[in-house]
Protein backbone atom coordinates (compact mmCIF):
# COMPACT_ATOMS: atom_id res chain seq x y z
CA MET A 1 16.35 -8.44 -67.07
CA SER A 2 18.21 -5.70 -64.97
CA ASP A 3 19.49 -6.50 -61.56
CA ASP A 4 17.15 -4.30 -60.01
CA SER A 5 14.37 -6.06 -62.03
CA LEU A 6 15.76 -9.38 -60.29
CA LYS A 7 15.84 -7.77 -56.69
CA LYS A 8 12.27 -6.73 -57.23
CA PHE A 9 10.94 -9.88 -58.70
CA ASP A 10 12.76 -11.89 -55.63
CA ARG A 11 11.53 -9.65 -53.26
CA ILE A 12 7.78 -9.83 -54.33
CA VAL A 13 8.10 -13.49 -54.41
CA ALA A 14 9.70 -13.53 -51.11
CA ILE A 15 6.91 -11.24 -49.59
CA PHE A 16 4.08 -13.61 -51.14
CA ILE A 17 5.75 -16.70 -49.50
CA GLN A 18 5.91 -14.80 -45.96
CA LEU A 19 2.34 -13.90 -46.75
CA GLN A 20 1.36 -17.71 -46.91
CA SER A 21 3.37 -18.31 -43.81
CA LYS A 22 1.30 -16.35 -41.36
CA ARG A 23 -2.07 -15.21 -40.48
CA THR A 24 -1.29 -11.44 -40.86
CA VAL A 25 2.01 -9.59 -41.63
CA LYS A 26 2.44 -5.96 -41.11
CA ALA A 27 4.24 -3.75 -43.79
CA GLN A 28 6.79 -2.46 -41.14
CA GLU A 29 7.81 -6.22 -40.46
CA LEU A 30 8.27 -6.64 -44.33
CA ALA A 31 10.32 -3.40 -44.75
CA ASP A 32 12.71 -4.39 -42.12
CA ARG A 33 12.94 -7.86 -43.64
CA PHE A 34 13.93 -6.46 -46.87
CA GLN A 35 15.57 -3.14 -45.85
CA VAL A 36 13.47 -0.91 -47.97
CA SER A 37 10.91 1.63 -47.47
CA LEU A 38 7.10 1.42 -46.59
CA ARG A 39 6.24 2.88 -49.88
CA THR A 40 8.30 0.21 -51.72
CA ILE A 41 6.23 -2.66 -49.74
CA TYR A 42 3.02 -1.06 -50.47
CA ARG A 43 3.96 -1.04 -54.38
CA ASP A 44 4.97 -4.59 -53.93
CA ILE A 45 1.61 -5.55 -52.76
CA ARG A 46 -0.16 -3.65 -55.33
CA THR A 47 1.94 -5.79 -57.68
CA LEU A 48 0.61 -8.96 -56.21
CA GLU A 49 -2.71 -7.79 -56.24
CA GLY A 50 -2.29 -7.20 -60.09
CA ALA A 51 -1.42 -10.65 -60.48
CA GLY A 52 -4.30 -11.84 -59.07
CA VAL A 53 -3.33 -12.72 -55.42
CA PRO A 54 -6.25 -11.96 -52.98
CA ILE A 55 -4.72 -9.85 -50.55
CA LEU A 56 -6.79 -8.50 -47.48
CA ALA A 57 -5.73 -5.27 -45.69
CA GLU A 58 -6.46 -5.26 -42.35
CA PRO A 59 -6.17 -1.67 -40.35
CA GLY A 60 -3.92 -1.90 -37.68
CA SER A 61 -3.36 -5.80 -38.22
CA GLY A 62 -1.50 -5.91 -41.75
CA TYR A 63 -1.80 -7.93 -44.67
CA SER A 64 -3.12 -11.42 -44.99
CA ILE A 65 -4.22 -13.79 -47.99
CA MET A 66 -7.72 -14.87 -48.45
CA ASP A 67 -8.40 -17.98 -46.85
CA GLY A 68 -8.33 -21.00 -49.54
CA TYR A 69 -5.96 -19.37 -51.62
CA ARG A 70 -2.47 -21.27 -52.32
CA LEU A 71 -0.21 -21.82 -55.02
CA PRO A 72 2.09 -24.97 -55.33
CA PRO A 73 4.97 -25.03 -52.90
CA VAL A 74 8.02 -22.76 -54.09
CA MET A 75 11.28 -24.84 -54.83
CA PHE A 76 14.11 -24.41 -52.30
CA THR A 77 17.33 -23.46 -53.08
CA ARG A 78 20.26 -25.69 -51.95
CA GLU A 79 21.47 -23.25 -49.59
CA GLU A 80 17.99 -22.80 -47.97
CA ALA A 81 17.93 -26.54 -47.67
CA ALA A 82 21.23 -26.95 -46.25
CA GLY A 83 20.03 -24.21 -43.57
CA PHE A 84 17.13 -26.64 -42.85
CA VAL A 85 19.91 -29.77 -42.64
CA ALA A 86 21.71 -27.55 -39.74
CA ALA A 87 18.59 -26.97 -38.21
CA GLU A 88 17.82 -30.81 -38.36
CA LYS A 89 20.95 -31.66 -36.73
CA LEU A 90 20.55 -29.33 -33.69
CA MET A 91 16.65 -30.62 -33.50
CA GLN A 92 18.13 -34.09 -33.25
CA GLU A 93 20.45 -33.07 -30.29
CA MET A 94 18.25 -30.41 -28.61
CA ALA A 95 14.82 -31.43 -29.04
CA ASP A 96 12.40 -34.07 -27.06
CA LYS A 97 11.47 -37.18 -29.01
CA THR A 98 7.94 -36.30 -30.35
CA LEU A 99 9.35 -32.95 -31.71
CA LYS A 100 12.24 -34.76 -33.49
CA GLU A 101 9.66 -36.89 -35.15
CA HIS A 102 7.65 -33.91 -36.25
CA PHE A 103 10.77 -32.00 -37.82
CA ARG A 104 11.87 -35.21 -39.42
CA SER A 105 8.52 -35.60 -41.35
CA ALA A 106 8.87 -31.73 -42.15
CA MET A 107 12.48 -32.46 -43.62
CA TYR A 108 11.16 -34.98 -45.82
CA LYS A 109 8.66 -32.73 -47.50
CA VAL A 110 11.50 -30.48 -47.89
CA LYS A 111 13.65 -32.81 -49.59
CA SER A 112 11.03 -34.17 -51.79
CA VAL A 113 10.80 -30.58 -53.65
CA LEU A 114 14.37 -30.63 -54.48
CA ARG A 115 15.67 -31.43 -57.59
CA SER A 116 17.79 -34.45 -58.03
CA ARG A 117 21.30 -32.65 -58.22
CA GLU A 118 20.29 -30.51 -55.31
CA LYS A 119 19.45 -33.81 -53.38
CA ASP A 120 22.63 -35.00 -53.95
CA TRP A 121 24.56 -31.70 -52.82
CA VAL A 122 22.01 -31.88 -49.72
CA SER A 123 22.95 -34.98 -48.78
CA THR A 124 26.68 -34.39 -48.87
CA VAL A 125 26.43 -31.53 -46.58
CA GLU A 126 24.03 -33.50 -44.41
CA SER A 127 26.48 -36.44 -44.02
CA SER A 128 29.08 -34.08 -42.78
CA ILE A 129 27.76 -32.11 -40.09
CA LEU A 130 27.87 -33.42 -36.35
CA VAL A 131 26.12 -31.73 -33.24
CA ARG A 132 27.25 -33.15 -29.88
CA THR A 133 25.77 -31.69 -26.50
CA GLY A 134 27.10 -32.25 -23.14
CA GLN A 135 23.96 -33.34 -20.89
CA PRO A 136 20.48 -34.57 -21.28
CA LEU A 137 17.69 -32.02 -21.64
CA PHE A 138 14.95 -34.58 -20.99
CA GLN A 139 14.22 -37.38 -18.81
CA ASP A 140 14.01 -40.68 -20.67
CA ASN A 141 10.23 -41.08 -20.07
CA VAL A 142 9.34 -37.37 -21.06
CA SER A 143 9.35 -37.84 -24.70
CA ASP A 144 6.58 -34.71 -25.67
CA ALA A 145 7.57 -31.90 -23.29
CA LEU A 146 7.87 -29.06 -25.73
CA GLY A 147 4.89 -30.08 -28.00
CA ILE A 148 2.72 -29.97 -24.70
CA ILE A 149 4.11 -26.89 -23.59
CA MET A 150 3.67 -25.00 -27.09
CA GLU A 151 0.26 -26.45 -27.38
CA GLY A 152 -0.47 -24.71 -23.62
CA ILE A 153 0.90 -21.68 -24.85
CA ALA A 154 -1.26 -21.51 -28.20
CA GLU A 155 -4.39 -22.80 -26.87
CA LYS A 156 -4.04 -21.04 -23.30
CA LYS A 157 -4.56 -24.30 -21.16
CA GLN A 158 -2.71 -24.98 -18.05
CA VAL A 159 -0.03 -27.95 -18.09
CA ALA A 160 0.48 -30.50 -15.25
CA LEU A 161 3.85 -31.29 -14.07
CA HIS A 162 5.69 -33.68 -12.06
CA TYR A 163 8.72 -31.26 -11.26
CA GLN A 164 11.75 -31.60 -9.20
CA ALA A 165 13.28 -28.10 -8.24
CA PHE A 166 17.06 -28.04 -7.80
CA ALA A 167 16.88 -27.80 -3.83
CA ALA A 168 14.17 -30.24 -3.54
CA ASP A 169 14.89 -33.93 -2.59
CA THR A 170 11.55 -35.34 -4.37
CA PRO A 171 9.54 -34.30 -7.36
CA GLU A 172 6.37 -32.15 -6.62
CA HIS A 173 3.01 -31.76 -8.50
CA ARG A 174 2.37 -28.34 -10.24
CA LYS A 175 -0.08 -26.75 -12.48
CA ILE A 176 1.29 -23.92 -14.52
CA GLU A 177 -0.12 -21.30 -16.97
CA PRO A 178 3.03 -21.74 -19.96
CA VAL A 179 4.14 -18.31 -21.20
CA GLY A 180 7.15 -19.12 -23.14
CA LEU A 181 10.28 -21.57 -23.83
CA PHE A 182 13.51 -20.30 -24.09
CA HIS A 183 17.08 -21.98 -24.27
CA GLU A 184 20.12 -20.65 -22.25
CA ASN A 185 23.19 -21.98 -20.58
CA HIS A 186 22.63 -25.45 -22.68
CA TYR A 187 19.30 -26.13 -21.18
CA TRP A 188 15.67 -25.71 -22.18
CA TYR A 189 13.52 -23.70 -19.76
CA ILE A 190 9.83 -22.96 -19.50
CA LEU A 191 8.64 -19.74 -18.17
CA GLY A 192 5.03 -20.11 -16.68
CA PHE A 193 2.76 -18.99 -13.89
CA CYS A 194 3.03 -21.68 -11.18
CA HIS A 195 -0.32 -21.90 -9.25
CA LEU A 196 1.32 -23.80 -6.51
CA ARG A 197 3.65 -20.68 -5.68
CA HIS A 198 1.39 -18.18 -7.12
CA ASP A 199 3.73 -16.28 -9.01
CA TYR A 200 6.05 -16.92 -12.33
CA ARG A 201 8.71 -19.39 -12.29
CA GLN A 202 11.25 -21.03 -14.53
CA PHE A 203 11.25 -24.79 -15.06
CA ARG A 204 14.08 -26.84 -16.60
CA THR A 205 13.05 -29.56 -18.74
CA ASP A 206 15.33 -31.97 -17.47
CA ARG A 207 13.69 -31.92 -14.18
CA ILE A 208 10.39 -32.90 -15.21
CA TRP A 209 9.39 -36.02 -14.17
CA SER A 210 5.90 -36.34 -16.12
CA ILE A 211 4.00 -33.57 -18.16
CA LYS A 212 0.36 -33.81 -19.15
CA ARG A 213 -2.25 -31.59 -20.71
CA THR A 214 -5.39 -30.45 -19.39
CA ASP A 215 -8.64 -28.92 -20.11
CA LEU A 216 -8.02 -26.16 -17.67
CA PRO A 217 -8.18 -22.61 -19.02
CA PHE A 218 -5.49 -20.01 -17.90
CA LEU A 219 -6.88 -18.01 -15.03
CA HIS A 220 -4.35 -14.84 -15.78
CA GLN A 221 -3.48 -12.87 -18.54
CA HIS A 222 -0.01 -12.98 -19.39
CA GLU A 223 2.46 -10.50 -21.03
CA HIS A 224 4.79 -11.86 -23.83
CA VAL A 225 7.98 -13.82 -22.66
CA ASP A 226 9.90 -11.21 -23.81
CA ARG A 227 8.27 -8.66 -21.28
CA HIS A 228 9.14 -10.74 -18.71
CA PHE A 229 12.89 -11.05 -19.39
CA LYS A 230 12.91 -7.09 -19.62
CA LYS A 231 11.54 -6.98 -16.26
CA GLN A 232 14.18 -9.00 -14.71
CA GLN A 233 16.73 -6.79 -16.10
CA THR A 234 15.34 -3.85 -14.40
CA CYS A 235 15.41 -5.43 -10.98
CA GLU A 236 17.94 -4.33 -8.51
CA LYS A 237 21.46 -5.38 -9.20
CA VAL A 238 24.66 -5.18 -7.64
CA GLU A 239 27.87 -3.54 -9.77
CA VAL A 240 30.90 -5.69 -9.48
CA ARG A 241 34.53 -4.64 -10.89
CA ILE A 242 37.37 -7.13 -11.11
CA ARG A 243 40.64 -6.90 -13.01
CA VAL A 244 41.83 -10.12 -14.90
CA ALA A 245 44.99 -11.05 -16.42
CA LYS A 246 44.93 -10.25 -20.25
CA ASP A 247 45.63 -13.57 -21.04
CA VAL A 248 42.64 -15.24 -19.01
CA ILE A 249 40.09 -13.36 -20.98
CA LYS A 250 39.96 -15.62 -23.87
CA TYR A 251 38.79 -18.41 -21.43
CA ILE A 252 35.97 -16.73 -19.63
CA LYS A 253 34.94 -14.47 -22.58
CA ASN A 254 31.87 -16.70 -23.39
CA ALA A 255 30.71 -17.34 -19.84
CA ARG A 256 30.86 -13.70 -18.58
CA ARG A 257 27.53 -12.93 -20.40
CA TYR A 258 25.84 -14.83 -17.96
CA TYR A 259 26.89 -13.09 -14.94
CA GLY A 260 25.78 -9.44 -16.05
CA PHE A 261 28.88 -8.30 -18.22
CA THR A 262 28.51 -4.73 -19.24
CA ASP A 263 31.98 -3.32 -20.10
CA GLU A 264 35.89 -4.05 -20.24
CA ILE A 265 39.01 -1.57 -20.29
CA ILE A 266 42.26 -2.89 -21.33
CA THR A 267 45.06 -1.14 -18.47
CA GLY A 268 48.53 -2.48 -19.77
CA SER A 269 48.58 -6.42 -18.94
CA GLU A 270 45.04 -6.58 -17.20
CA VAL A 271 41.66 -6.13 -18.26
CA GLU A 272 38.99 -4.19 -16.15
CA ILE A 273 35.63 -5.60 -16.42
CA THR A 274 32.38 -4.30 -15.12
CA PHE A 275 29.49 -6.48 -14.26
CA LEU A 276 25.74 -5.74 -13.20
CA THR A 277 24.56 -9.02 -11.36
CA ALA A 278 21.40 -10.23 -9.08
CA ASP A 279 23.78 -12.29 -7.66
CA PRO A 280 27.07 -11.36 -6.76
CA TYR A 281 27.58 -13.56 -3.61
CA ASP A 282 26.85 -17.02 -4.55
CA SER A 283 26.82 -17.98 -7.93
CA PHE A 284 29.06 -14.98 -9.40
CA ALA A 285 31.51 -15.59 -6.35
CA ARG A 286 31.65 -19.44 -7.04
CA TRP A 287 32.40 -18.38 -11.00
CA TYR A 288 34.98 -16.26 -9.60
CA LEU A 289 37.07 -18.69 -8.02
CA THR A 290 37.47 -20.88 -11.27
CA PHE A 291 40.01 -18.15 -12.22
CA ALA A 292 40.72 -16.18 -9.02
CA ASP A 293 44.70 -17.01 -8.99
CA ARG A 294 44.77 -14.49 -11.99
CA ALA A 295 42.25 -11.98 -10.88
CA THR A 296 41.58 -9.32 -8.20
CA ILE A 297 38.20 -7.85 -7.05
CA ILE A 298 37.97 -4.03 -6.90
CA GLU A 299 34.52 -3.82 -5.41
CA PRO A 300 32.36 -4.61 -3.70
CA LEU A 301 34.16 -5.43 -0.46
CA GLN A 302 31.60 -8.26 0.36
CA LEU A 303 32.22 -10.07 -2.50
CA LYS A 304 35.74 -10.36 -1.62
CA GLU A 305 34.75 -11.64 2.04
CA LYS A 306 32.30 -14.37 0.15
CA VAL A 307 35.26 -15.35 -2.10
CA ALA A 308 37.47 -15.35 0.84
CA ALA A 309 35.36 -17.66 3.01
CA LEU A 310 34.45 -20.26 0.11
CA ALA A 311 38.56 -20.41 -0.51
CA ALA A 312 39.10 -21.05 3.12
CA SER A 313 36.21 -23.65 3.30
CA ALA A 314 37.74 -25.42 0.23
CA ILE A 315 41.28 -25.38 1.90
CA ALA A 316 39.83 -26.93 4.88
CA ASN A 317 38.06 -29.43 2.95
CA LEU A 318 41.21 -30.52 0.97
CA SER A 319 42.98 -30.56 4.44
CA LEU A 320 40.26 -32.89 5.95
CA ASN A 321 40.70 -35.19 2.73
CA ALA A 322 44.53 -35.39 2.87
CA GLU A 323 44.25 -36.43 6.70
CA VAL A 324 41.82 -39.09 5.89
CA GLU A 325 43.89 -40.86 3.20
CA LYS A 326 46.63 -40.58 5.36
CA ALA A 327 44.92 -42.31 7.96
CA TYR A 328 43.69 -45.13 5.62
CA SER A 329 47.41 -45.54 4.08
CA HIS A 330 48.77 -46.70 7.68
CA THR A 331 45.79 -49.05 8.21
């Protein structure tokens, strides 16, 4: 069999697996995944139909396989199984208790279809992977937050939270219509419509003290979570430009994307960096202070004033602490 024939066979098998994995699959989605033309996908679909696979074409929706039609599970390669193992290690550190158990159960099924020699290979890889996180992502008594949120999204049911906002002294009861889940800056967040605030809010999972399902349906139609983030990106932002010593860049390169990084220009021993940020005078200013001794603010002037005020406050606080320590040392 020629290389082209092997590629075609592998692609057709992969298309069949993808059709089994979703209710409907668009031809363009398949073309994008395999980097082939739509005409090639149409030919592959006809090949599957010719082999007896009952594929339904739904205009405007895509392709689907007739309900009840299934083949025995396809064998995983050891590389595919290793990908699952790496995902399992991440899940064990980044998911709540209930979702961890579900994923562990799924992994047993994945490993069960491997050949013996592949099981040994995967086991060796598994024992060599370690994932470590720096902070708790859930309260100890909240074991199923992610699962409940996923159910709420899929079934369009409200979810009840006992939630403590960052600025609040005590938790509040909230009912939300969950729109999406996302992981950012090392934390899990829920995007949902809050009935208490009558607007969309983000809820960090480690601040949830309890969570419950409800039978209450959504009262609003919600756009996809991606659309909410696109709207946030179009909100009014302030352009910030700073110059930073070139040898400092490697220490701030990862963090700067959280503050609206857009561009950088190298000028001799310094780098001029441009940001578009919605919060330049608080979070950005405080972050800037962490490397302010090796940087210069070009604009805006108000940011310079804010950083100077924060630095003066810090110096005053240090001086006060020194006086207190001195007084105690003489008693």
